[in-house]
Protein backbone atom coordinates (compact mmCIF):
# COMPACT_ATOMS: atom_id res chain seq x y z
CA MET A 1 -31.31 106.56 -28.76
CA LEU A 2 -32.64 103.08 -29.25
CA LYS A 3 -29.93 101.61 -26.92
CA MET A 4 -30.76 104.10 -24.25
CA LYS A 5 -34.49 103.09 -24.55
CA ASN A 6 -33.71 99.43 -24.34
CA SER A 7 -31.64 100.04 -21.28
CA ILE A 8 -34.32 102.07 -19.60
CA LEU A 9 -36.82 99.28 -20.24
CA LYS A 10 -34.44 96.69 -18.76
CA ILE A 11 -33.84 98.73 -15.72
CA THR A 12 -37.55 99.38 -15.34
CA ALA A 13 -38.39 95.56 -15.77
CA ILE A 14 -35.72 94.62 -13.22
CA PHE A 15 -36.78 97.06 -10.67
CA GLY A 16 -40.50 96.01 -11.10
CA LEU A 17 -39.61 92.31 -10.63
CA THR A 18 -37.49 93.06 -7.63
CA THR A 19 -40.42 95.11 -6.04
CA VAL A 20 -42.84 92.20 -6.68
CA LEU A 21 -40.39 89.66 -5.12
CA LEU A 22 -39.84 91.83 -2.13
CA ASN A 23 -43.47 92.41 -1.50
CA SER A 24 -44.31 88.55 -1.95
CA CYS A 25 -41.60 87.52 0.50
CA GLY A 26 -42.06 90.33 2.98
CA GLY A 27 -45.02 91.43 4.96
CA PRO A 28 -46.05 90.89 8.49
CA LYS A 29 -44.87 87.63 10.09
CA ASP A 30 -46.95 87.75 13.31
CA ASN A 31 -50.29 87.11 11.48
CA PRO A 32 -49.94 86.37 7.80
CA PRO A 33 -53.16 86.28 5.70
CA LEU A 34 -52.78 82.58 4.70
CA VAL A 35 -50.49 79.72 5.82
CA TYR A 36 -50.58 76.58 3.85
CA PHE A 37 -48.28 74.63 6.34
CA PRO A 38 -48.53 76.02 9.77
CA ASP A 39 -46.36 73.41 11.38
CA MET A 40 -43.34 74.55 9.16
CA TYR A 41 -44.20 78.23 9.47
CA PHE A 42 -44.57 78.23 13.21
CA PRO A 43 -42.35 75.26 14.10
CA VAL A 44 -42.95 73.95 17.52
CA ALA A 45 -41.29 70.76 18.88
CA TYR A 46 -43.42 68.31 20.74
CA ASP A 47 -42.80 64.90 22.31
CA PRO A 48 -45.08 62.35 20.67
CA LEU A 49 -48.53 61.99 21.90
CA MET A 50 -47.95 64.67 24.66
CA LYS A 51 -50.82 66.97 25.79
CA ALA A 52 -49.92 70.35 24.05
CA LYS A 53 -51.00 73.96 24.61
CA ASP A 54 -52.30 75.53 21.24
CA ALA A 55 -49.27 76.84 19.72
CA TYR A 56 -51.22 78.75 17.18
CA SER A 57 -53.55 80.57 19.70
CA ASP A 58 -52.06 83.92 18.74
CA HIS A 59 -52.96 83.40 15.08
CA GLU A 60 -56.64 83.68 14.15
CA ASN A 61 -56.40 82.18 10.78
CA GLU A 62 -55.15 78.61 11.65
CA ILE A 63 -56.20 76.07 14.21
CA PRO A 64 -54.26 72.82 14.18
CA ALA A 65 -56.01 69.44 14.10
CA PHE A 66 -54.83 68.39 17.51
CA VAL A 67 -56.60 71.18 19.21
CA ALA A 68 -59.90 69.36 18.44
CA ASN A 69 -58.53 66.16 19.74
CA GLY A 70 -58.20 67.08 23.36
CA GLY A 71 -54.79 68.76 23.00
CA ALA A 72 -53.10 65.40 21.75
CA THR A 73 -50.24 66.14 19.31
CA GLY A 74 -50.84 62.82 17.51
CA LEU A 75 -53.32 60.10 16.84
CA SER A 76 -53.09 56.46 17.45
CA PRO A 77 -52.27 54.50 14.29
CA VAL A 78 -54.84 52.56 12.40
CA VAL A 79 -55.38 49.24 14.07
CA GLY A 80 -53.08 46.56 12.37
CA SER A 81 -50.86 49.14 10.64
CA VAL A 82 -48.18 49.55 13.42
CA PRO A 83 -47.51 46.99 16.13
CA GLN A 84 -48.42 48.17 19.47
CA ASN A 85 -48.33 46.80 23.11
CA ARG A 86 -51.98 47.31 23.77
CA ASP A 87 -51.87 44.58 26.52
CA GLY A 88 -49.61 46.90 28.57
CA ILE A 89 -47.27 44.01 29.35
CA VAL A 90 -43.62 45.04 29.52
CA SER A 91 -41.20 42.22 28.76
CA GLU A 92 -38.18 42.33 30.96
CA GLU A 93 -36.72 39.19 29.46
CA THR A 94 -33.33 39.19 27.98
CA LEU A 95 -31.92 36.77 25.54
CA PRO A 96 -29.80 34.15 27.16
CA LYS A 97 -26.13 34.47 26.17
CA ASN A 98 -25.17 30.85 26.67
CA MET A 99 -26.71 27.37 27.51
CA ASP A 100 -26.24 27.91 31.23
CA GLU A 101 -28.36 31.11 31.20
CA TYR A 102 -30.96 29.46 28.91
CA ASN A 103 -31.42 26.57 31.32
CA ALA A 104 -31.57 28.80 34.43
CA GLY A 105 -34.28 30.93 32.63
CA TYR A 106 -36.16 27.79 31.61
CA ASP A 107 -36.13 26.31 35.09
CA ALA A 108 -37.27 29.72 36.45
CA ALA A 109 -40.00 29.92 33.84
CA LYS A 110 -41.50 26.53 35.07
CA ALA A 111 -42.44 28.22 38.29
CA VAL A 112 -44.60 30.64 36.39
CA THR A 113 -48.22 29.09 36.44
CA ALA A 114 -50.16 32.13 35.43
CA SER A 115 -49.98 34.71 32.70
CA PRO A 116 -49.96 38.42 33.27
CA LEU A 117 -52.99 38.91 30.91
CA LYS A 118 -56.30 40.16 32.57
CA ALA A 119 -58.32 37.38 34.05
CA GLU A 120 -61.60 38.93 32.83
CA ASN A 121 -60.43 38.48 29.23
CA LEU A 122 -59.79 34.77 29.57
CA GLU A 123 -62.34 33.67 27.13
CA LYS A 124 -61.19 36.21 24.37
CA ASP A 125 -57.52 35.40 25.09
CA LEU A 126 -58.09 31.56 24.74
CA ALA A 127 -59.85 32.20 21.49
CA ARG A 128 -57.11 34.31 20.03
CA GLY A 129 -54.54 31.80 21.36
CA LYS A 130 -56.24 29.09 19.47
CA SER A 131 -56.25 31.06 16.28
CA LEU A 132 -52.52 31.93 16.61
CA TYR A 133 -51.65 28.45 17.61
CA ASP A 134 -53.52 27.01 14.66
CA LYS A 135 -51.76 29.34 12.19
CA THR A 136 -48.34 29.37 13.80
CA CYS A 137 -47.72 26.07 15.72
CA SER A 138 -50.02 23.47 14.51
CA ALA A 139 -47.85 22.70 11.40
CA CYS A 140 -45.48 20.77 13.65
CA HIS A 141 -47.32 20.28 17.02
CA GLY A 142 -50.65 19.36 15.41
CA THR A 143 -54.06 20.86 16.09
CA GLY A 144 -54.55 18.32 18.82
CA GLY A 145 -51.14 19.14 20.50
CA ASP A 146 -50.04 15.40 19.76
CA GLY A 147 -46.95 16.39 17.78
CA GLN A 148 -48.49 15.06 14.54
CA GLY A 149 -48.81 18.23 12.50
CA PRO A 150 -48.62 18.03 8.60
CA ILE A 151 -44.80 18.55 8.56
CA VAL A 152 -44.21 15.77 10.92
CA LEU A 153 -46.59 13.46 9.02
CA SER A 154 -44.82 14.31 5.79
CA GLY A 155 -41.69 12.83 7.19
CA ALA A 156 -39.74 16.12 6.81
CA TYR A 157 -39.41 16.51 10.48
CA SER A 158 -39.80 14.30 13.62
CA GLY A 159 -39.28 14.12 17.30
CA VAL A 160 -42.04 16.55 18.37
CA PRO A 161 -43.54 15.23 21.61
CA LYS A 162 -47.10 15.50 22.97
CA TYR A 163 -47.81 18.38 25.18
CA ALA A 164 -49.47 15.95 27.67
CA ASP A 165 -46.28 13.95 28.01
CA ARG A 166 -44.25 16.95 28.97
CA GLU A 167 -43.54 18.76 32.18
CA ILE A 168 -44.67 22.23 31.11
CA THR A 169 -46.32 25.30 32.61
CA ILE A 170 -47.73 28.44 31.24
CA GLY A 171 -44.44 30.24 31.97
CA SER A 172 -42.23 27.49 30.28
CA ILE A 173 -44.29 27.59 27.11
CA HIS A 174 -44.02 31.30 26.88
CA TYR A 175 -40.30 30.97 27.53
CA VAL A 176 -39.81 28.54 24.70
CA LEU A 177 -42.03 30.75 22.31
CA THR A 178 -39.63 33.61 23.22
CA ASN A 179 -36.23 31.95 23.15
CA GLY A 180 -36.83 28.68 21.15
CA ARG A 181 -35.81 25.27 22.45
CA ASN A 182 -33.82 22.42 20.66
CA ALA A 183 -34.72 22.43 17.08
CA MET A 184 -37.61 25.04 17.52
CA GLY A 185 -36.53 28.58 16.98
CA SER A 186 -37.85 31.78 18.61
CA TYR A 187 -41.23 33.11 17.70
CA ALA A 188 -40.66 36.51 19.17
CA GLY A 189 -40.47 38.02 15.81
CA GLN A 190 -43.80 36.63 14.84
CA LEU A 191 -45.75 37.05 18.03
CA ASN A 192 -45.71 40.02 20.39
CA VAL A 193 -45.50 39.40 24.12
CA GLY A 194 -49.06 39.53 24.75
CA ASP A 195 -49.80 37.08 21.97
CA ARG A 196 -47.08 34.72 23.12
CA TRP A 197 -48.83 34.57 26.56
CA ARG A 198 -52.18 33.96 24.74
CA VAL A 199 -50.56 30.93 22.89
CA ALA A 200 -49.09 29.58 26.06
CA LEU A 201 -52.46 30.07 27.91
CA TYR A 202 -54.29 28.17 25.12
CA VAL A 203 -51.70 25.31 24.96
CA TYR A 204 -51.64 24.70 28.74
CA ASN A 205 -55.33 25.02 29.24
CA THR A 206 -56.19 22.80 26.25
CA PHE A 207 -53.56 20.17 26.09
CA LYS A 208 -52.00 19.97 29.46
CA ALA A 209 -54.53 21.01 32.12
CA PRO A 210 -57.15 18.31 31.24
CA THR A 211 -54.47 15.74 31.60
CA ALA A 212 -53.26 17.18 34.75
CA ASN A 213 -56.62 17.06 36.36
CA ALA A 214 -57.48 13.55 35.04
CA THR A 215 -55.44 11.70 37.61
CA PRO A 216 -57.03 13.36 40.71
CA ALA A 217 -60.47 12.86 39.34
CA ALA A 218 -59.94 9.12 38.87
CA ALA A 219 -59.15 8.53 42.57
CA PRO A 220 -62.54 9.06 44.11
CA ALA A 221 -64.05 6.68 41.45
CA THR A 222 -61.64 3.99 42.50
CA THR A 223 -62.56 4.63 46.19
CA GLU A 224 -66.27 4.33 45.39
CA THR A 225 -65.86 0.97 43.61
CA THR A 226 -63.82 -0.41 46.39
CA SER A 227 -66.18 0.67 49.12
CA ALA A 228 -69.14 -0.63 47.13
CA ALA A 229 -67.74 -4.16 46.99
CA PRO A 230 -68.48 -4.98 50.71
CA ALA A 231 -72.01 -3.64 50.43
CA THR A 232 -72.85 -5.95 47.43
CA GLU A 233 -71.13 -8.86 49.17
CA ALA A 234 -73.12 -8.16 52.29
CA LYS A 235 -76.34 -8.19 50.28
CA THR A 236 -75.45 -11.38 48.73
CA ASN A 237 -74.68 -13.03 52.03
CA ALA A 238 -78.04 -11.83 53.35
CA LYS A 239 -79.76 -13.71 50.71
């Protein structure tokens, strides 16, 4: 009698537990009372950052966060957390496979005399270019672009020429930053494409352009001095 009673209790307990489990896992799937993870419960695949139609519009109990964001399925990462090409500059450059390809690319880069950055942002680009140059390049090239950075002055490295003495353009500076040259390695891993153009812009405008403009400016002064001599001589003779 006792064994039968225990068996009945066990059967009753198993039946009751089965009923609870079935009820908890079952129920209507079209509009459940509560969904903790709607993206998993109603899986819908989206391409990143595409405009999406509300996938949960048939369910009154859940509204996804992106609905309040104009239909965007993702938000932009926090500034500084994920590298982004905010300048919109697409680098079509490919790494040279040999010295001939490198030299050909370098010669072609010399013909580039302007950066693809927006002209209206020149002041900001130069300021950022200076900041990046001081942090990244001045250790060898010097803050004055004279090749006398602290590493060179320490005697650990030598042979860094002055920018003013070199035939460089904005394009060739960017090319060297991207691919390296001689003992200088590539800085493409440290600076994105937009910032490489900013450094190139700063280097050329600060260390090369003033020198390039100095020679034409000196010519008129010489002309004025030469033309002034006869006038002085004439005045003297008049006396």
